[in-house]
Amino acid sequence: MNQSSACDFPSDPGGREQIPQGSRVQRCLGGFRWEGVPVQQYKSEADHWRGVIRMVLAGESGERTAFHVRYFEVAPGGFTSLERHRHEHVVFVLRGCGEVQLDQTVHRIGPGDLIYVAPEELHQFRNPAGAEPLGFLCIVDAVRDRPRLADVPLPGC
């Protein structure tokens, strides 16, 4: 079995590699797109976000993981919702530069940076003037609560 990355060698001209049943290799097609992974809108159309797409890489295709791995891209001038939720998540920046707001503090972020978002922490990812998309992996619990926008009070308040 060829264990090389699609970024190192051309794909197998004879077809798909033999992978144990249930396991798979998700081929990178270049440009931060993956074979068989649809590009989705971030959320339903709304004014509280702009210029964001997402791709679910693992967790919604029959895997039995307790987590999901998603790739997000924030276009130049774009931003995610300013929100909070009970679940935690980890973000790993792959490309571009931007900023993340964690509670009332804004941090500049770029490739290789890791962001941990704690439960109920107000947060937002922004690409205020980037020349390229801000792209990041987001690892989150498979079972999670729905985010609440910044102007929605904490439960019990």
N, C-alpha and C. Protein backbone atom coordinates (compact mmCIF):
# COMPACT_ATOMS: atom_id res chain seq x y z
N MET A 1 0.85 -1.18 0.00
CA MET A 1 0.00 0.00 0.00
C MET A 1 0.89 1.24 0.00
N ASN A 2 0.58 2.20 -0.83
CA ASN A 2 1.31 3.45 -0.92
C ASN A 2 0.86 4.35 0.22
N GLN A 3 1.78 4.75 1.08
CA GLN A 3 1.42 5.59 2.22
C GLN A 3 1.85 7.04 2.00
N SER A 4 2.19 7.39 0.78
CA SER A 4 2.64 8.75 0.50
C SER A 4 1.45 9.71 0.48
N SER A 5 1.76 10.97 0.61
CA SER A 5 0.75 12.02 0.54
C SER A 5 0.47 12.35 -0.91
N ALA A 6 -0.75 12.75 -1.20
CA ALA A 6 -1.12 13.17 -2.55
C ALA A 6 -0.32 14.40 -2.95
N CYS A 7 0.23 15.11 -1.97
CA CYS A 7 1.03 16.29 -2.27
C CYS A 7 2.44 15.91 -2.73
N ASP A 8 2.89 14.68 -2.44
CA ASP A 8 4.23 14.24 -2.80
C ASP A 8 4.29 13.50 -4.13
N PHE A 9 3.29 12.71 -4.44
CA PHE A 9 3.30 11.86 -5.62
C PHE A 9 1.98 11.95 -6.35
N PRO A 10 1.98 11.71 -7.66
CA PRO A 10 0.70 11.68 -8.38
C PRO A 10 -0.16 10.55 -7.88
N SER A 11 -1.47 10.68 -8.08
CA SER A 11 -2.39 9.64 -7.63
C SER A 11 -2.20 8.36 -8.42
N ASP A 12 -2.65 7.26 -7.86
CA ASP A 12 -2.53 5.94 -8.46
C ASP A 12 -3.28 5.90 -9.79
N PRO A 13 -2.58 5.73 -10.94
CA PRO A 13 -3.27 5.76 -12.23
C PRO A 13 -4.21 4.58 -12.43
N GLY A 14 -4.05 3.51 -11.66
CA GLY A 14 -4.90 2.32 -11.81
C GLY A 14 -6.19 2.40 -11.03
N GLY A 15 -6.43 3.49 -10.33
CA GLY A 15 -7.65 3.60 -9.53
C GLY A 15 -7.32 3.85 -8.08
N ARG A 16 -8.26 3.55 -7.22
CA ARG A 16 -8.08 3.81 -5.79
C ARG A 16 -7.15 2.79 -5.16
N GLU A 17 -6.42 3.26 -4.15
CA GLU A 17 -5.58 2.36 -3.37
C GLU A 17 -6.47 1.40 -2.59
N GLN A 18 -5.92 0.26 -2.23
CA GLN A 18 -6.67 -0.69 -1.40
C GLN A 18 -6.57 -0.24 0.05
N ILE A 19 -7.67 0.13 0.62
CA ILE A 19 -7.75 0.63 2.00
C ILE A 19 -8.62 -0.34 2.79
N PRO A 20 -8.24 -0.68 4.03
CA PRO A 20 -9.11 -1.54 4.83
C PRO A 20 -10.52 -0.97 4.88
N GLN A 21 -11.52 -1.85 4.87
CA GLN A 21 -12.92 -1.42 4.86
C GLN A 21 -13.17 -0.46 6.02
N GLY A 22 -13.82 0.64 5.71
CA GLY A 22 -14.15 1.65 6.72
C GLY A 22 -13.12 2.76 6.81
N SER A 23 -11.88 2.48 6.51
CA SER A 23 -10.84 3.51 6.54
C SER A 23 -10.75 4.14 5.15
N ARG A 24 -10.11 5.30 5.05
CA ARG A 24 -9.98 5.93 3.75
C ARG A 24 -8.85 6.96 3.77
N VAL A 25 -8.45 7.34 2.60
CA VAL A 25 -7.53 8.45 2.40
C VAL A 25 -8.34 9.54 1.70
N GLN A 26 -8.36 10.71 2.26
CA GLN A 26 -9.07 11.83 1.66
C GLN A 26 -8.04 12.64 0.90
N ARG A 27 -8.03 12.53 -0.43
CA ARG A 27 -7.02 13.17 -1.27
C ARG A 27 -7.20 14.68 -1.35
N CYS A 28 -6.07 15.36 -1.16
CA CYS A 28 -6.02 16.81 -1.33
C CYS A 28 -5.94 17.09 -2.83
N LEU A 29 -6.85 17.90 -3.33
CA LEU A 29 -6.88 18.24 -4.75
C LEU A 29 -6.09 19.52 -5.04
N GLY A 30 -5.54 20.12 -4.02
CA GLY A 30 -4.86 21.41 -4.15
C GLY A 30 -5.83 22.52 -3.78
N GLY A 31 -5.29 23.67 -3.45
CA GLY A 31 -6.13 24.82 -3.12
C GLY A 31 -7.02 24.60 -1.92
N PHE A 32 -6.63 23.72 -1.02
CA PHE A 32 -7.40 23.42 0.19
C PHE A 32 -8.80 22.93 -0.14
N ARG A 33 -8.85 22.00 -1.07
CA ARG A 33 -10.07 21.29 -1.44
C ARG A 33 -9.74 19.81 -1.42
N TRP A 34 -10.72 18.98 -1.05
CA TRP A 34 -10.50 17.55 -0.91
C TRP A 34 -11.48 16.77 -1.76
N GLU A 35 -10.99 15.69 -2.33
CA GLU A 35 -11.78 14.81 -3.18
C GLU A 35 -13.04 14.35 -2.46
N GLY A 36 -14.19 14.55 -3.09
CA GLY A 36 -15.45 14.07 -2.54
C GLY A 36 -16.01 14.87 -1.39
N VAL A 37 -15.39 15.99 -1.02
CA VAL A 37 -15.85 16.80 0.10
C VAL A 37 -16.51 18.08 -0.46
N PRO A 38 -17.82 18.21 -0.29
CA PRO A 38 -18.49 19.39 -0.83
C PRO A 38 -18.16 20.66 -0.05
N VAL A 39 -18.08 21.76 -0.76
CA VAL A 39 -17.93 23.08 -0.14
C VAL A 39 -19.33 23.53 0.25
N GLN A 40 -19.48 23.88 1.53
CA GLN A 40 -20.79 24.26 2.06
C GLN A 40 -20.77 25.70 2.54
N GLN A 41 -21.94 26.28 2.57
CA GLN A 41 -22.09 27.59 3.19
C GLN A 41 -21.85 27.43 4.69
N TYR A 42 -21.24 28.40 5.31
CA TYR A 42 -20.93 28.38 6.74
C TYR A 42 -22.18 28.16 7.60
N LYS A 43 -23.19 28.98 7.38
CA LYS A 43 -24.47 28.89 8.10
C LYS A 43 -25.55 29.42 7.17
N SER A 44 -26.77 29.44 7.63
CA SER A 44 -27.85 30.06 6.86
C SER A 44 -27.52 31.53 6.64
N GLU A 45 -27.90 32.07 5.49
CA GLU A 45 -27.64 33.48 5.18
C GLU A 45 -28.09 34.38 6.33
N ALA A 46 -27.22 35.30 6.72
CA ALA A 46 -27.54 36.23 7.79
C ALA A 46 -26.55 37.39 7.75
N ASP A 47 -26.85 38.44 8.51
CA ASP A 47 -25.99 39.62 8.55
C ASP A 47 -24.84 39.49 9.55
N HIS A 48 -24.88 38.49 10.43
CA HIS A 48 -23.88 38.40 11.50
C HIS A 48 -22.62 37.63 11.08
N TRP A 49 -22.49 37.28 9.81
CA TRP A 49 -21.26 36.68 9.28
C TRP A 49 -21.16 37.03 7.80
N ARG A 50 -19.92 36.90 7.26
CA ARG A 50 -19.73 37.22 5.84
C ARG A 50 -18.50 36.48 5.31
N GLY A 51 -18.61 35.94 4.09
CA GLY A 51 -17.47 35.40 3.37
C GLY A 51 -16.85 34.16 3.97
N VAL A 52 -17.66 33.24 4.49
CA VAL A 52 -17.14 32.04 5.14
C VAL A 52 -17.73 30.79 4.48
N ILE A 53 -16.86 29.83 4.18
CA ILE A 53 -17.31 28.52 3.71
C ILE A 53 -16.73 27.46 4.63
N ARG A 54 -17.30 26.23 4.54
CA ARG A 54 -16.79 25.14 5.37
C ARG A 54 -16.86 23.83 4.61
N MET A 55 -16.01 22.90 5.03
CA MET A 55 -16.00 21.55 4.49
C MET A 55 -15.83 20.59 5.67
N VAL A 56 -16.69 19.59 5.76
CA VAL A 56 -16.58 18.59 6.82
C VAL A 56 -15.68 17.48 6.30
N LEU A 57 -14.50 17.35 6.89
CA LEU A 57 -13.52 16.36 6.44
C LEU A 57 -13.71 15.00 7.11
N ALA A 58 -14.17 14.99 8.34
CA ALA A 58 -14.41 13.73 9.06
C ALA A 58 -15.51 13.95 10.09
N GLY A 59 -16.38 12.95 10.21
CA GLY A 59 -17.40 12.99 11.23
C GLY A 59 -18.82 12.96 10.72
N GLU A 60 -19.02 13.16 9.43
CA GLU A 60 -20.38 13.14 8.90
C GLU A 60 -20.50 12.20 7.71
N SER A 61 -19.55 11.28 7.58
CA SER A 61 -19.58 10.34 6.44
C SER A 61 -19.56 8.90 6.92
N GLY A 62 -20.24 8.65 8.03
CA GLY A 62 -20.33 7.29 8.55
C GLY A 62 -19.29 6.94 9.59
N GLU A 63 -18.37 7.86 9.88
CA GLU A 63 -17.38 7.59 10.93
C GLU A 63 -18.07 7.55 12.29
N ARG A 64 -17.49 6.81 13.21
CA ARG A 64 -18.06 6.72 14.56
C ARG A 64 -17.24 7.52 15.56
N THR A 65 -16.65 8.61 15.10
CA THR A 65 -15.80 9.43 15.96
C THR A 65 -16.65 10.23 16.95
N ALA A 66 -16.03 10.61 18.04
CA ALA A 66 -16.67 11.48 19.03
C ALA A 66 -16.41 12.94 18.68
N PHE A 67 -15.76 13.17 17.54
CA PHE A 67 -15.40 14.52 17.11
C PHE A 67 -15.64 14.68 15.61
N HIS A 68 -15.68 15.93 15.16
CA HIS A 68 -15.73 16.26 13.75
C HIS A 68 -14.50 17.10 13.42
N VAL A 69 -13.97 16.92 12.22
CA VAL A 69 -12.88 17.75 11.72
C VAL A 69 -13.44 18.52 10.54
N ARG A 70 -13.39 19.84 10.63
CA ARG A 70 -13.94 20.69 9.60
C ARG A 70 -12.88 21.69 9.15
N TYR A 71 -12.93 22.07 7.88
CA TYR A 71 -12.04 23.10 7.35
C TYR A 71 -12.91 24.32 7.03
N PHE A 72 -12.50 25.48 7.53
CA PHE A 72 -13.20 26.73 7.27
C PHE A 72 -12.28 27.67 6.50
N GLU A 73 -12.87 28.47 5.63
CA GLU A 73 -12.15 29.55 4.96
C GLU A 73 -12.93 30.83 5.15
N VAL A 74 -12.20 31.86 5.59
CA VAL A 74 -12.77 33.19 5.76
C VAL A 74 -12.13 34.07 4.69
N ALA A 75 -12.93 34.53 3.74
CA ALA A 75 -12.43 35.36 2.65
C ALA A 75 -11.92 36.70 3.18
N PRO A 76 -11.03 37.37 2.43
CA PRO A 76 -10.62 38.72 2.83
C PRO A 76 -11.85 39.60 3.07
N GLY A 77 -11.88 40.26 4.22
CA GLY A 77 -13.03 41.08 4.60
C GLY A 77 -14.14 40.30 5.28
N GLY A 78 -13.96 38.98 5.42
CA GLY A 78 -15.00 38.14 6.01
C GLY A 78 -14.82 37.92 7.50
N PHE A 79 -15.85 37.33 8.11
CA PHE A 79 -15.82 37.06 9.55
C PHE A 79 -16.88 36.01 9.89
N THR A 80 -16.61 35.25 10.94
CA THR A 80 -17.58 34.29 11.47
C THR A 80 -18.50 35.02 12.44
N SER A 81 -19.54 34.34 12.92
CA SER A 81 -20.42 34.95 13.91
C SER A 81 -19.66 35.18 15.21
N LEU A 82 -20.01 36.24 15.90
CA LEU A 82 -19.52 36.48 17.25
C LEU A 82 -20.47 35.70 18.15
N GLU A 83 -19.98 34.59 18.71
CA GLU A 83 -20.87 33.63 19.37
C GLU A 83 -20.21 32.96 20.57
N ARG A 84 -21.03 32.20 21.28
CA ARG A 84 -20.55 31.37 22.40
C ARG A 84 -21.39 30.10 22.41
N HIS A 85 -20.87 29.07 23.07
CA HIS A 85 -21.59 27.80 23.22
C HIS A 85 -20.94 27.00 24.35
N ARG A 86 -21.63 25.98 24.82
CA ARG A 86 -21.12 25.16 25.93
C ARG A 86 -19.95 24.28 25.52
N HIS A 87 -19.89 23.83 24.28
CA HIS A 87 -18.80 22.94 23.87
C HIS A 87 -17.51 23.71 23.60
N GLU A 88 -16.40 23.02 23.78
CA GLU A 88 -15.09 23.60 23.47
C GLU A 88 -14.68 23.15 22.07
N HIS A 89 -13.73 23.83 21.49
CA HIS A 89 -13.16 23.36 20.23
C HIS A 89 -11.75 23.89 20.07
N VAL A 90 -11.03 23.26 19.14
CA VAL A 90 -9.64 23.61 18.85
C VAL A 90 -9.56 23.98 17.39
N VAL A 91 -8.84 25.05 17.11
CA VAL A 91 -8.66 25.54 15.75
C VAL A 91 -7.17 25.57 15.45
N PHE A 92 -6.81 25.06 14.26
CA PHE A 92 -5.42 25.06 13.81
C PHE A 92 -5.36 25.80 12.47
N VAL A 93 -4.63 26.92 12.44
CA VAL A 93 -4.56 27.75 11.24
C VAL A 93 -3.62 27.11 10.22
N LEU A 94 -4.13 26.93 8.99
CA LEU A 94 -3.33 26.35 7.90
C LEU A 94 -2.82 27.39 6.92
N ARG A 95 -3.58 28.44 6.68
CA ARG A 95 -3.19 29.42 5.66
C ARG A 95 -3.74 30.80 5.99
N GLY A 96 -3.08 31.82 5.45
CA GLY A 96 -3.54 33.19 5.62
C GLY A 96 -3.28 33.74 7.01
N CYS A 97 -3.62 34.99 7.17
CA CYS A 97 -3.49 35.67 8.46
C CYS A 97 -4.81 36.35 8.79
N GLY A 98 -5.04 36.54 10.05
CA GLY A 98 -6.28 37.18 10.47
C GLY A 98 -6.23 37.44 11.94
N GLU A 99 -7.39 37.37 12.56
CA GLU A 99 -7.47 37.59 14.00
C GLU A 99 -8.61 36.78 14.58
N VAL A 100 -8.45 36.50 15.87
CA VAL A 100 -9.50 35.83 16.61
C VAL A 100 -9.82 36.69 17.83
N GLN A 101 -11.10 36.88 18.07
CA GLN A 101 -11.53 37.54 19.30
C GLN A 101 -11.90 36.46 20.27
N LEU A 102 -11.28 36.47 21.45
CA LEU A 102 -11.60 35.56 22.55
C LEU A 102 -12.03 36.43 23.72
N ASP A 103 -13.30 36.41 24.04
CA ASP A 103 -13.92 37.29 25.02
C ASP A 103 -13.71 38.73 24.54
N GLN A 104 -13.00 39.56 25.27
CA GLN A 104 -12.80 40.96 24.86
C GLN A 104 -11.42 41.22 24.27
N THR A 105 -10.61 40.17 24.08
CA THR A 105 -9.25 40.33 23.58
C THR A 105 -9.14 39.83 22.15
N VAL A 106 -8.47 40.62 21.30
CA VAL A 106 -8.25 40.24 19.90
C VAL A 106 -6.79 39.84 19.74
N HIS A 107 -6.56 38.68 19.11
CA HIS A 107 -5.22 38.15 18.87
C HIS A 107 -4.99 38.01 17.37
N ARG A 108 -3.82 38.40 16.88
CA ARG A 108 -3.45 38.15 15.49
C ARG A 108 -3.09 36.68 15.37
N ILE A 109 -3.49 36.04 14.27
CA ILE A 109 -3.22 34.62 14.07
C ILE A 109 -2.73 34.37 12.64
N GLY A 110 -1.95 33.29 12.49
CA GLY A 110 -1.43 32.91 11.19
C GLY A 110 -1.09 31.43 11.16
N PRO A 111 -0.53 30.96 10.04
CA PRO A 111 -0.25 29.54 9.86
C PRO A 111 0.55 28.94 11.02
N GLY A 112 0.08 27.80 11.49
CA GLY A 112 0.73 27.09 12.59
C GLY A 112 0.17 27.44 13.96
N ASP A 113 -0.58 28.52 14.07
CA ASP A 113 -1.15 28.90 15.37
C ASP A 113 -2.29 27.95 15.74
N LEU A 114 -2.38 27.66 17.02
CA LEU A 114 -3.41 26.78 17.58
C LEU A 114 -4.24 27.61 18.55
N ILE A 115 -5.54 27.56 18.40
CA ILE A 115 -6.45 28.32 19.25
C ILE A 115 -7.37 27.35 19.97
N TYR A 116 -7.41 27.43 21.28
CA TYR A 116 -8.35 26.65 22.09
C TYR A 116 -9.46 27.61 22.49
N VAL A 117 -10.71 27.25 22.18
CA VAL A 117 -11.87 28.06 22.56
C VAL A 117 -12.58 27.32 23.70
N ALA A 118 -12.55 27.93 24.87
CA ALA A 118 -13.13 27.33 26.08
C ALA A 118 -14.66 27.42 26.04
N PRO A 119 -15.34 26.57 26.80
CA PRO A 119 -16.81 26.63 26.87
C PRO A 119 -17.29 28.03 27.29
N GLU A 120 -18.34 28.50 26.64
CA GLU A 120 -19.00 29.78 26.91
C GLU A 120 -18.13 31.00 26.62
N GLU A 121 -16.98 30.81 25.97
CA GLU A 121 -16.11 31.93 25.62
C GLU A 121 -16.64 32.60 24.35
N LEU A 122 -16.89 33.88 24.44
CA LEU A 122 -17.30 34.64 23.27
C LEU A 122 -16.13 34.62 22.28
N HIS A 123 -16.41 34.31 20.99
CA HIS A 123 -15.32 34.22 20.02
C HIS A 123 -15.79 34.52 18.60
N GLN A 124 -14.81 34.94 17.79
CA GLN A 124 -15.07 35.24 16.38
C GLN A 124 -13.74 35.21 15.64
N PHE A 125 -13.76 34.67 14.41
CA PHE A 125 -12.58 34.65 13.54
C PHE A 125 -12.81 35.66 12.43
N ARG A 126 -11.77 36.47 12.13
CA ARG A 126 -11.90 37.53 11.14
C ARG A 126 -10.69 37.55 10.21
N ASN A 127 -10.93 37.96 8.98
CA ASN A 127 -9.87 38.18 8.00
C ASN A 127 -10.06 39.61 7.51
N PRO A 128 -9.61 40.60 8.29
CA PRO A 128 -9.96 41.99 8.01
C PRO A 128 -9.43 42.54 6.69
N ALA A 129 -8.22 42.19 6.31
CA ALA A 129 -7.66 42.78 5.09
C ALA A 129 -6.66 41.83 4.46
N GLY A 130 -6.87 40.55 4.63
CA GLY A 130 -5.93 39.58 4.10
C GLY A 130 -5.87 39.56 2.59
N ALA A 131 -4.73 39.14 2.07
CA ALA A 131 -4.57 38.99 0.62
C ALA A 131 -5.08 37.63 0.17
N GLU A 132 -5.22 36.71 1.11
CA GLU A 132 -5.72 35.37 0.80
C GLU A 132 -6.69 34.94 1.89
N PRO A 133 -7.45 33.89 1.64
CA PRO A 133 -8.36 33.41 2.68
C PRO A 133 -7.61 33.00 3.95
N LEU A 134 -8.27 33.18 5.08
CA LEU A 134 -7.81 32.63 6.35
C LEU A 134 -8.41 31.24 6.42
N GLY A 135 -7.57 30.19 6.36
CA GLY A 135 -8.06 28.82 6.35
C GLY A 135 -7.63 28.08 7.60
N PHE A 136 -8.57 27.37 8.23
CA PHE A 136 -8.22 26.65 9.46
C PHE A 136 -9.04 25.38 9.62
N LEU A 137 -8.42 24.43 10.31
CA LEU A 137 -9.12 23.22 10.74
C LEU A 137 -9.77 23.51 12.07
N CYS A 138 -10.97 22.99 12.26
CA CYS A 138 -11.69 23.12 13.53
C CYS A 138 -12.07 21.72 13.97
N ILE A 139 -11.60 21.32 15.15
CA ILE A 139 -11.93 20.02 15.72
C ILE A 139 -12.90 20.28 16.86
N VAL A 140 -14.07 19.62 16.78
CA VAL A 140 -15.15 19.90 17.71
C VAL A 140 -15.88 18.61 18.05
N ASP A 141 -16.54 18.56 19.20
CA ASP A 141 -17.33 17.39 19.58
C ASP A 141 -18.39 17.10 18.53
N ALA A 142 -18.61 15.82 18.26
CA ALA A 142 -19.65 15.41 17.31
C ALA A 142 -21.04 15.80 17.83
N VAL A 143 -21.25 15.64 19.13
CA VAL A 143 -22.52 16.02 19.75
C VAL A 143 -22.26 17.31 20.51
N ARG A 144 -22.94 18.36 20.10
CA ARG A 144 -22.67 19.67 20.69
C ARG A 144 -23.94 20.53 20.70
N ASP A 145 -23.90 21.55 21.52
CA ASP A 145 -25.02 22.49 21.59
C ASP A 145 -24.93 23.49 20.43
N ARG A 146 -26.01 24.19 20.20
CA ARG A 146 -26.06 25.21 19.14
C ARG A 146 -25.43 26.51 19.64
N PRO A 147 -24.65 27.17 18.81
CA PRO A 147 -24.07 28.45 19.22
C PRO A 147 -25.16 29.50 19.45
N ARG A 148 -24.83 30.43 20.35
CA ARG A 148 -25.69 31.58 20.62
C ARG A 148 -24.92 32.84 20.23
N LEU A 149 -25.58 33.73 19.52
CA LEU A 149 -24.93 34.97 19.12
C LEU A 149 -24.60 35.81 20.34
N ALA A 150 -23.68 36.75 20.18
CA ALA A 150 -23.17 37.56 21.28
C ALA A 150 -24.27 38.26 22.08
N ASP A 151 -25.33 38.67 21.42
CA ASP A 151 -26.37 39.41 22.13
C ASP A 151 -27.39 38.51 22.83
N VAL A 152 -27.18 37.20 22.78
CA VAL A 152 -28.07 36.27 23.48
C VAL A 152 -27.45 35.98 24.86
N PRO A 153 -28.20 36.18 25.94
CA PRO A 153 -27.62 36.00 27.28
C PRO A 153 -27.26 34.54 27.58
N LEU A 154 -26.36 34.39 28.54
CA LEU A 154 -25.99 33.05 29.01
C LEU A 154 -27.21 32.39 29.63
N PRO A 155 -27.28 31.04 29.59
CA PRO A 155 -28.43 30.35 30.21
C PRO A 155 -28.54 30.71 31.69
N GLY A 156 -29.75 30.92 32.14
CA GLY A 156 -29.99 31.24 33.55
C GLY A 156 -29.84 32.70 33.89
N CYS A 157 -29.51 33.56 32.90
CA CYS A 157 -29.33 34.99 33.18
C CYS A 157 -30.58 35.76 32.84
